[in-house]
Amino acid sequence: MSEIQPLDQLRAAISDLPAPIYLRVKQGIISQIRSGNWLAHQRVPSETELVNALNVSRMTINRALRELTGEGWLVRMQGVGTFVAEQKGHTAMLEVGSIAEEITARGHHYRNQVVTLEQVKADEKLAHAFSVNVGEPLFYSQLVHYDNDMAVQLETRYVNPALAPDYLQQDFRLETPHHYLNKVAPLTSGEHIVEAVLADETQQGLLEVTANQPCLLIQRRTWHHSQVVTVARLLYPGSRYQLVGSFTGQ
């Protein structure tokens, strides 16, 4: 297994990204993998080498490598090193737009159903995602979006109360969470994970799909400057919806 050298291209890749530093490191490494500069099975530089080359803290590098490993971009072998993983197919989705605007732009009728709108406490996973303490309050919403009265998206969203304090007071039948959040805390950066899944029993009922019908899941986290605004899961019935071309917005 060959080693990746040098680090000049990675330094250039992260220099101008408008995001928190650990996310810039992540996005920079992903860009090197996607471009073919970092090939599958090559050993990536050590934490110490990355700290020295990029002039960032070891904690930042550790978090970036840990999350990249969890997301399948890297493989870490105890006592051996960290390597570029064999990559599966990816769909480029840098930005995702308002589903309400997409539907109405096609001349179709849009509506949504608000299933849940409440305050919850951050568990360990959410606390990590928002960089808050376990037990701190978050806002939670769940909506079903319809295209001509056919369910096309189940939106499950957690929101940072510090950035959208009036979130629970909104009537999301009149203005979607996407539109509201873009007004009060405009998106400045984000990250996505896209995968094919099967809906659980509750999701099947809300989306009116069968147990064996494949769905497309987008997991998204967005920032307003250095603060996480929202963590969302967007579930689409695969037979009813396609993501094609470029999308804009949060």
C-alpha atoms as a PDB file:
ATOM      1  CA  MET A   1       0.000   0.000   0.000  1.00  0.00           C
ATOM      2  CA  SER A   2       1.576   3.284  -1.077  1.00  0.00           C
ATOM      3  CA  GLU A   3       1.589   6.451   1.006  1.00  0.00           C
ATOM      4  CA  ILE A   4       0.076   9.768  -0.030  1.00  0.00           C
ATOM      5  CA  GLN A   5       2.645  12.506  -0.604  1.00  0.00           C
ATOM      6  CA  PRO A   6       2.857  15.484  -0.570  1.00  0.00           C
ATOM      7  CA  LEU A   7       0.202  17.596   1.213  1.00  0.00           C
ATOM      8  CA  ASP A   8       0.304  20.735  -0.937  1.00  0.00           C
ATOM      9  CA  GLN A   9      -2.926  19.881  -2.766  1.00  0.00           C
ATOM     10  CA  LEU A  10      -4.783  19.256   0.500  1.00  0.00           C
ATOM     11  CA  ARG A  11      -3.608  22.602   1.917  1.00  0.00           C
ATOM     12  CA  ALA A  12      -4.899  24.335  -1.201  1.00  0.00           C
ATOM     13  CA  ALA A  13      -8.204  22.434  -1.089  1.00  0.00           C
ATOM     14  CA  ILE A  14      -9.115  23.581   2.421  1.00  0.00           C
ATOM     15  CA  SER A  15      -7.787  27.149   2.298  1.00  0.00           C
ATOM     16  CA  ASP A  16     -10.923  28.944   1.079  1.00  0.00           C
ATOM     17  CA  LEU A  17     -13.787  26.731   2.263  1.00  0.00           C
ATOM     18  CA  PRO A  18     -16.343  28.771   4.336  1.00  0.00           C
ATOM     19  CA  ALA A  19     -16.836  26.277   7.181  1.00  0.00           C
ATOM     20  CA  PRO A  20     -15.557  25.303  10.656  1.00  0.00           C
ATOM     21  CA  ILE A  21     -11.943  24.152  10.468  1.00  0.00           C
ATOM     22  CA  TYR A  22     -12.571  20.449  11.169  1.00  0.00           C
ATOM     23  CA  LEU A  23     -15.252  20.426   8.422  1.00  0.00           C
ATOM     24  CA  ARG A  24     -12.849  22.188   6.041  1.00  0.00           C
ATOM     25  CA  VAL A  25     -10.317  19.424   6.686  1.00  0.00           C
ATOM     26  CA  LYS A  26     -13.003  16.776   6.059  1.00  0.00           C
ATOM     27  CA  GLN A  27     -14.199  18.411   2.854  1.00  0.00           C
ATOM     28  CA  GLY A  28     -10.615  18.889   1.696  1.00  0.00           C
ATOM     29  CA  ILE A  29      -9.813  15.193   2.171  1.00  0.00           C
ATOM     30  CA  ILE A  30     -13.051  14.176   0.444  1.00  0.00           C
ATOM     31  CA  SER A  31     -12.178  16.435  -2.501  1.00  0.00           C
ATOM     32  CA  GLN A  32      -8.787  14.719  -2.819  1.00  0.00           C
ATOM     33  CA  ILE A  33     -10.444  11.285  -2.834  1.00  0.00           C
ATOM     34  CA  ARG A  34     -13.132  12.280  -5.328  1.00  0.00           C
ATOM     35  CA  SER A  35     -10.602  13.895  -7.665  1.00  0.00           C
ATOM     36  CA  GLY A  36      -8.420  10.780  -7.667  1.00  0.00           C
ATOM     37  CA  ASN A  37      -5.440  12.483  -6.030  1.00  0.00           C
ATOM     38  CA  TRP A  38      -5.861  10.117  -3.051  1.00  0.00           C
ATOM     39  CA  LEU A  39      -6.462   6.574  -4.319  1.00  0.00           C
ATOM     40  CA  ALA A  40      -8.141   3.616  -2.634  1.00  0.00           C
ATOM     41  CA  HIS A  41      -5.818   1.636  -0.317  1.00  0.00           C
ATOM     42  CA  GLN A  42      -3.218   4.424  -0.086  1.00  0.00           C
ATOM     43  CA  ARG A  43      -2.102   5.261   3.452  1.00  0.00           C
ATOM     44  CA  VAL A  44      -3.002   8.810   4.428  1.00  0.00           C
ATOM     45  CA  PRO A  45      -0.618  11.017   6.419  1.00  0.00           C
ATOM     46  CA  SER A  46      -0.548  10.505  10.173  1.00  0.00           C
ATOM     47  CA  GLU A  47      -2.297  12.844  12.617  1.00  0.00           C
ATOM     48  CA  THR A  48       1.056  14.419  13.458  1.00  0.00           C
ATOM     49  CA  GLU A  49       1.872  14.991   9.775  1.00  0.00           C
ATOM     50  CA  LEU A  50      -1.542  16.551   9.159  1.00  0.00           C
ATOM     51  CA  VAL A  51      -1.267  18.765  12.262  1.00  0.00           C
ATOM     52  CA  ASN A  52       2.112  20.078  11.112  1.00  0.00           C
ATOM     53  CA  ALA A  53       1.161  20.440   7.448  1.00  0.00           C
ATOM     54  CA  LEU A  54      -2.194  22.137   7.987  1.00  0.00           C
ATOM     55  CA  ASN A  55      -1.299  24.105  11.148  1.00  0.00           C
ATOM     56  CA  VAL A  56      -4.398  22.977  13.051  1.00  0.00           C
ATOM     57  CA  SER A  57      -4.884  21.229  16.391  1.00  0.00           C
ATOM     58  CA  ARG A  58      -4.605  17.478  16.919  1.00  0.00           C
ATOM     59  CA  MET A  59      -8.192  17.501  18.234  1.00  0.00           C
ATOM     60  CA  THR A  60      -9.385  18.973  14.917  1.00  0.00           C
ATOM     61  CA  ILE A  61      -7.512  16.358  12.866  1.00  0.00           C
ATOM     62  CA  ASN A  62      -8.694  13.525  15.113  1.00  0.00           C
ATOM     63  CA  ARG A  63     -12.337  14.566  14.783  1.00  0.00           C
ATOM     64  CA  ALA A  64     -12.092  14.927  11.005  1.00  0.00           C
ATOM     65  CA  LEU A  65     -10.439  11.504  10.567  1.00  0.00           C
ATOM     66  CA  ARG A  66     -12.856   9.863  13.008  1.00  0.00           C
ATOM     67  CA  GLU A  67     -15.916  11.189  11.164  1.00  0.00           C
ATOM     68  CA  LEU A  68     -14.468  10.348   7.737  1.00  0.00           C
ATOM     69  CA  THR A  69     -13.909   6.797   8.954  1.00  0.00           C
ATOM     70  CA  GLY A  70     -17.468   6.577  10.262  1.00  0.00           C
ATOM     71  CA  GLU A  71     -18.806   7.846   6.922  1.00  0.00           C
ATOM     72  CA  GLY A  72     -16.812   5.258   4.937  1.00  0.00           C
ATOM     73  CA  TRP A  73     -14.206   7.506   3.317  1.00  0.00           C
ATOM     74  CA  LEU A  74     -11.265   6.124   5.323  1.00  0.00           C
ATOM     75  CA  VAL A  75     -10.307   2.856   7.025  1.00  0.00           C
ATOM     76  CA  ARG A  76      -8.261   3.005  10.245  1.00  0.00           C
ATOM     77  CA  MET A  77      -6.174  -0.077  11.104  1.00  0.00           C
ATOM     78  CA  GLN A  78      -4.877  -0.230  14.678  1.00  0.00           C
ATOM     79  CA  GLY A  79      -1.088  -0.149  14.729  1.00  0.00           C
ATOM     80  CA  VAL A  80      -0.845   0.137  10.936  1.00  0.00           C
ATOM     81  CA  GLY A  81      -2.337   3.476   9.910  1.00  0.00           C
ATOM     82  CA  THR A  82      -5.270   5.106   8.126  1.00  0.00           C
ATOM     83  CA  PHE A  83      -6.050   4.273   4.497  1.00  0.00           C
ATOM     84  CA  VAL A  84      -8.371   5.541   1.772  1.00  0.00           C
ATOM     85  CA  ALA A  85     -11.375   3.225   1.620  1.00  0.00           C
ATOM     86  CA  GLU A  86     -12.722   1.608  -1.533  1.00  0.00           C
ATOM     87  CA  GLN A  87     -15.424   4.076  -2.550  1.00  0.00           C
ATOM     88  CA  LYS A  88     -19.023   3.318  -3.492  1.00  0.00           C
ATOM     89  CA  GLY A  89     -20.886   5.398  -6.055  1.00  0.00           C
ATOM     90  CA  HIS A  90     -21.733   8.955  -5.000  1.00  0.00           C
ATOM     91  CA  THR A  91     -24.278  11.495  -6.192  1.00  0.00           C
ATOM     92  CA  ALA A  92     -22.941  15.056  -6.076  1.00  0.00           C
ATOM     93  CA  MET A  93     -25.292  17.174  -3.986  1.00  0.00           C
ATOM     94  CA  LEU A  94     -23.665  20.331  -2.695  1.00  0.00           C
ATOM     95  CA  GLU A  95     -26.943  22.148  -2.154  1.00  0.00           C
ATOM     96  CA  VAL A  96     -30.551  21.060  -1.748  1.00  0.00           C
ATOM     97  CA  GLY A  97     -33.517  23.291  -2.446  1.00  0.00           C
ATOM     98  CA  SER A  98     -36.985  23.754  -1.044  1.00  0.00           C
ATOM     99  CA  ILE A  99     -39.210  20.832  -1.924  1.00  0.00           C
ATOM    100  CA  ALA A 100     -42.231  23.161  -1.897  1.00  0.00           C
ATOM    101  CA  GLU A 101     -40.617  25.346  -4.567  1.00  0.00           C
ATOM    102  CA  GLU A 102     -39.598  22.299  -6.623  1.00  0.00           C
ATOM    103  CA  ILE A 103     -43.161  20.974  -6.643  1.00  0.00           C
ATOM    104  CA  THR A 104     -44.870  24.271  -7.430  1.00  0.00           C
ATOM    105  CA  ALA A 105     -42.301  25.013 -10.160  1.00  0.00           C
ATOM    106  CA  ARG A 106     -43.577  21.909 -11.966  1.00  0.00           C
ATOM    107  CA  GLY A 107     -47.112  23.294 -11.808  1.00  0.00           C
ATOM    108  CA  HIS A 108     -48.159  20.738  -9.203  1.00  0.00           C
ATOM    109  CA  HIS A 109     -50.090  21.306  -5.978  1.00  0.00           C
ATOM    110  CA  TYR A 110     -47.946  21.343  -2.822  1.00  0.00           C
ATOM    111  CA  ARG A 111     -49.080  20.811   0.746  1.00  0.00           C
ATOM    112  CA  ASN A 112     -47.648  19.325   3.918  1.00  0.00           C
ATOM    113  CA  GLN A 113     -48.804  17.642   7.103  1.00  0.00           C
ATOM    114  CA  VAL A 114     -47.161  18.610  10.399  1.00  0.00           C
ATOM    115  CA  VAL A 115     -46.818  15.349  12.341  1.00  0.00           C
ATOM    116  CA  THR A 116     -44.764  16.587  15.315  1.00  0.00           C
ATOM    117  CA  LEU A 117     -43.572  19.980  16.567  1.00  0.00           C
ATOM    118  CA  GLU A 118     -42.054  19.994  20.051  1.00  0.00           C
ATOM    119  CA  GLN A 119     -39.053  20.581  22.304  1.00  0.00           C
ATOM    120  CA  VAL A 120     -36.826  17.610  23.127  1.00  0.00           C
ATOM    121  CA  LYS A 121     -33.603  16.988  25.047  1.00  0.00           C
ATOM    122  CA  ALA A 122     -30.368  16.235  23.222  1.00  0.00           C
ATOM    123  CA  ASP A 123     -29.198  12.664  23.588  1.00  0.00           C
ATOM    124  CA  GLU A 124     -25.509  11.795  23.244  1.00  0.00           C
ATOM    125  CA  LYS A 125     -25.606  11.565  19.441  1.00  0.00           C
ATOM    126  CA  LEU A 126     -27.466  14.857  18.989  1.00  0.00           C
ATOM    127  CA  ALA A 127     -25.309  16.603  21.579  1.00  0.00           C
ATOM    128  CA  HIS A 128     -22.250  15.621  19.557  1.00  0.00           C
ATOM    129  CA  ALA A 129     -23.856  16.746  16.287  1.00  0.00           C
ATOM    130  CA  PHE A 130     -24.781  20.183  17.683  1.00  0.00           C
ATOM    131  CA  SER A 131     -21.711  20.544  19.956  1.00  0.00           C
ATOM    132  CA  VAL A 132     -23.940  20.998  23.018  1.00  0.00           C
ATOM    133  CA  ASN A 133     -24.280  19.163  26.329  1.00  0.00           C
ATOM    134  CA  VAL A 134     -26.435  16.065  26.734  1.00  0.00           C
ATOM    135  CA  GLY A 135     -29.869  17.100  27.990  1.00  0.00           C
ATOM    136  CA  GLU A 136     -29.835  20.592  26.465  1.00  0.00           C
ATOM    137  CA  PRO A 137     -33.081  21.571  24.689  1.00  0.00           C
ATOM    138  CA  LEU A 138     -33.504  21.217  20.931  1.00  0.00           C
ATOM    139  CA  PHE A 139     -36.531  21.820  18.737  1.00  0.00           C
ATOM    140  CA  TYR A 140     -37.934  18.858  16.811  1.00  0.00           C
ATOM    141  CA  SER A 141     -40.282  18.731  13.860  1.00  0.00           C
ATOM    142  CA  GLN A 142     -41.594  16.049  11.543  1.00  0.00           C
ATOM    143  CA  LEU A 143     -43.499  16.843   8.350  1.00  0.00           C
ATOM    144  CA  VAL A 144     -44.790  14.904   5.370  1.00  0.00           C
ATOM    145  CA  HIS A 145     -44.566  16.781   2.061  1.00  0.00           C
ATOM    146  CA  TYR A 146     -47.070  16.040  -0.715  1.00  0.00           C
ATOM    147  CA  ASP A 147     -46.948  16.473  -4.487  1.00  0.00           C
ATOM    148  CA  ASN A 148     -50.523  16.456  -5.870  1.00  0.00           C
ATOM    149  CA  ASP A 149     -51.631  14.723  -2.637  1.00  0.00           C
ATOM    150  CA  MET A 150     -48.999  11.994  -2.961  1.00  0.00           C
ATOM    151  CA  ALA A 151     -46.436  11.766  -0.145  1.00  0.00           C
ATOM    152  CA  VAL A 152     -42.945  12.379  -1.565  1.00  0.00           C
ATOM    153  CA  GLN A 153     -40.822  13.298   1.462  1.00  0.00           C
ATOM    154  CA  LEU A 154     -40.776  12.639   5.202  1.00  0.00           C
ATOM    155  CA  GLU A 155     -38.754  15.422   6.838  1.00  0.00           C
ATOM    156  CA  THR A 156     -37.425  14.826  10.347  1.00  0.00           C
ATOM    157  CA  ARG A 157     -35.520  17.824  11.703  1.00  0.00           C
ATOM    158  CA  TYR A 158     -33.736  18.930  14.886  1.00  0.00           C
ATOM    159  CA  VAL A 159     -33.084  22.670  15.248  1.00  0.00           C
ATOM    160  CA  ASN A 160     -30.751  24.776  17.410  1.00  0.00           C
ATOM    161  CA  PRO A 161     -32.978  27.005  19.606  1.00  0.00           C
ATOM    162  CA  ALA A 162     -30.212  29.601  19.903  1.00  0.00           C
ATOM    163  CA  LEU A 163     -30.454  30.335  16.172  1.00  0.00           C
ATOM    164  CA  ALA A 164     -34.212  29.911  15.691  1.00  0.00           C
ATOM    165  CA  PRO A 165     -35.833  30.704  19.071  1.00  0.00           C
ATOM    166  CA  ASP A 166     -39.351  31.070  17.622  1.00  0.00           C
ATOM    167  CA  TYR A 167     -39.269  27.838  15.619  1.00  0.00           C
ATOM    168  CA  LEU A 168     -42.051  26.122  17.599  1.00  0.00           C
ATOM    169  CA  GLN A 169     -44.388  29.086  17.137  1.00  0.00           C
ATOM    170  CA  GLN A 170     -44.384  28.850  13.326  1.00  0.00           C
ATOM    171  CA  ASP A 171     -47.267  27.539  11.232  1.00  0.00           C
ATOM    172  CA  PHE A 172     -45.358  25.273   8.866  1.00  0.00           C
ATOM    173  CA  ARG A 173     -48.451  24.612   6.792  1.00  0.00           C
ATOM    174  CA  LEU A 174     -47.996  28.188   5.502  1.00  0.00           C
ATOM    175  CA  GLU A 175     -44.196  28.423   5.473  1.00  0.00           C
ATOM    176  CA  THR A 176     -41.917  25.391   5.404  1.00  0.00           C
ATOM    177  CA  PRO A 177     -39.076  24.903   7.907  1.00  0.00           C
ATOM    178  CA  HIS A 178     -36.629  25.285   5.005  1.00  0.00           C
ATOM    179  CA  HIS A 179     -37.972  28.740   4.123  1.00  0.00           C
ATOM    180  CA  TYR A 180     -38.204  29.918   7.726  1.00  0.00           C
ATOM    181  CA  LEU A 181     -34.678  28.801   8.648  1.00  0.00           C
ATOM    182  CA  ASN A 182     -33.231  30.419   5.544  1.00  0.00           C
ATOM    183  CA  LYS A 183     -34.636  33.721   6.801  1.00  0.00           C
ATOM    184  CA  VAL A 184     -33.515  33.565  10.434  1.00  0.00           C
ATOM    185  CA  ALA A 185     -30.204  31.666  10.087  1.00  0.00           C
ATOM    186  CA  PRO A 186     -29.124  31.481   6.415  1.00  0.00           C
ATOM    187  CA  LEU A 187     -27.074  28.456   5.425  1.00  0.00           C
ATOM    188  CA  THR A 188     -23.338  29.124   5.105  1.00  0.00           C
ATOM    189  CA  SER A 189     -22.094  25.511   4.921  1.00  0.00           C
ATOM    190  CA  GLY A 190     -23.381  21.980   5.141  1.00  0.00           C
ATOM    191  CA  GLU A 191     -22.651  18.281   4.813  1.00  0.00           C
ATOM    192  CA  HIS A 192     -24.680  15.397   3.376  1.00  0.00           C
ATOM    193  CA  ILE A 193     -24.857  11.639   3.592  1.00  0.00           C
ATOM    194  CA  VAL A 194     -27.004   9.904   0.954  1.00  0.00           C
ATOM    195  CA  GLU A 195     -28.013   6.246   1.083  1.00  0.00           C
ATOM    196  CA  ALA A 196     -30.682   3.772   0.022  1.00  0.00           C
ATOM    197  CA  VAL A 197     -32.764   2.380   2.911  1.00  0.00           C
ATOM    198  CA  LEU A 198     -36.015   0.626   3.751  1.00  0.00           C
ATOM    199  CA  ALA A 199     -38.597   2.587   5.774  1.00  0.00           C
ATOM    200  CA  ASP A 200     -39.542   1.401   9.248  1.00  0.00           C
ATOM    201  CA  GLU A 201     -43.162   0.684  10.153  1.00  0.00           C
ATOM    202  CA  THR A 202     -43.971   4.247  11.247  1.00  0.00           C
ATOM    203  CA  GLN A 203     -42.316   5.741   8.163  1.00  0.00           C
ATOM    204  CA  GLN A 204     -44.190   3.305   5.922  1.00  0.00           C
ATOM    205  CA  GLY A 205     -47.490   4.575   7.303  1.00  0.00           C
ATOM    206  CA  LEU A 206     -46.598   8.240   6.857  1.00  0.00           C
ATOM    207  CA  LEU A 207     -45.227   7.817   3.327  1.00  0.00           C
ATOM    208  CA  GLU A 208     -47.784   5.168   2.311  1.00  0.00           C
ATOM    209  CA  VAL A 209     -45.142   2.709   1.116  1.00  0.00           C
ATOM    210  CA  THR A 210     -44.717  -1.039   1.578  1.00  0.00           C
ATOM    211  CA  ALA A 211     -42.109  -2.716   3.773  1.00  0.00           C
ATOM    212  CA  ASN A 212     -39.941  -3.750   0.799  1.00  0.00           C
ATOM    213  CA  GLN A 213     -40.145  -0.497  -1.175  1.00  0.00           C
ATOM    214  CA  PRO A 214     -36.689   1.155  -1.381  1.00  0.00           C
ATOM    215  CA  CYS A 215     -36.341   4.748  -0.207  1.00  0.00           C
ATOM    216  CA  LEU A 216     -33.676   7.419  -0.598  1.00  0.00           C
ATOM    217  CA  LEU A 217     -32.399   8.946   2.647  1.00  0.00           C
ATOM    218  CA  ILE A 218     -30.526  12.247   2.841  1.00  0.00           C
ATOM    219  CA  GLN A 219     -28.945  13.015   6.216  1.00  0.00           C
ATOM    220  CA  ARG A 220     -27.946  16.649   6.371  1.00  0.00           C
ATOM    221  CA  ARG A 221     -26.296  18.980   8.874  1.00  0.00           C
ATOM    222  CA  THR A 222     -26.059  22.712   8.162  1.00  0.00           C
ATOM    223  CA  TRP A 223     -24.218  25.636   9.713  1.00  0.00           C
ATOM    224  CA  HIS A 224     -24.769  29.359  10.051  1.00  0.00           C
ATOM    225  CA  HIS A 225     -21.131  30.444  10.255  1.00  0.00           C
ATOM    226  CA  SER A 226     -19.648  28.428  13.173  1.00  0.00           C
ATOM    227  CA  GLN A 227     -22.930  27.174  14.695  1.00  0.00           C
ATOM    228  CA  VAL A 228     -24.955  24.139  13.668  1.00  0.00           C
ATOM    229  CA  VAL A 229     -28.464  25.228  12.682  1.00  0.00           C
ATOM    230  CA  THR A 230     -30.165  21.946  11.950  1.00  0.00           C
ATOM    231  CA  VAL A 231     -29.736  18.190  11.676  1.00  0.00           C
ATOM    232  CA  ALA A 232     -32.255  16.698   9.274  1.00  0.00           C
ATOM    233  CA  ARG A 233     -33.252  13.338   7.790  1.00  0.00           C
ATOM    234  CA  LEU A 234     -35.144  13.529   4.490  1.00  0.00           C
ATOM    235  CA  LEU A 235     -36.736  10.260   3.383  1.00  0.00           C
ATOM    236  CA  TYR A 236     -38.086   9.869  -0.176  1.00  0.00           C
ATOM    237  CA  PRO A 237     -40.001   6.902  -1.669  1.00  0.00           C
ATOM    238  CA  GLY A 238     -37.675   5.739  -4.425  1.00  0.00           C
ATOM    239  CA  SER A 239     -40.467   5.011  -6.876  1.00  0.00           C
ATOM    240  CA  ARG A 240     -41.950   8.514  -6.621  1.00  0.00           C
ATOM    241  CA  TYR A 241     -39.043  10.911  -6.482  1.00  0.00           C
ATOM    242  CA  GLN A 242     -35.736  11.548  -8.211  1.00  0.00           C
ATOM    243  CA  LEU A 243     -32.949  13.976  -7.327  1.00  0.00           C
ATOM    244  CA  VAL A 244     -31.598  15.263 -10.610  1.00  0.00           C
ATOM    245  CA  GLY A 245     -29.125  18.037 -11.476  1.00  0.00           C
ATOM    246  CA  SER A 246     -28.457  21.031  -9.233  1.00  0.00           C
ATOM    247  CA  PHE A 247     -30.494  22.095  -6.213  1.00  0.00           C
ATOM    248  CA  THR A 248     -30.270  25.377  -4.303  1.00  0.00           C
ATOM    249  CA  GLY A 249     -30.860  26.385  -0.700  1.00  0.00           C
ATOM    250  CA  GLN A 250     -30.911  24.556   2.611  1.00  0.00           C
END
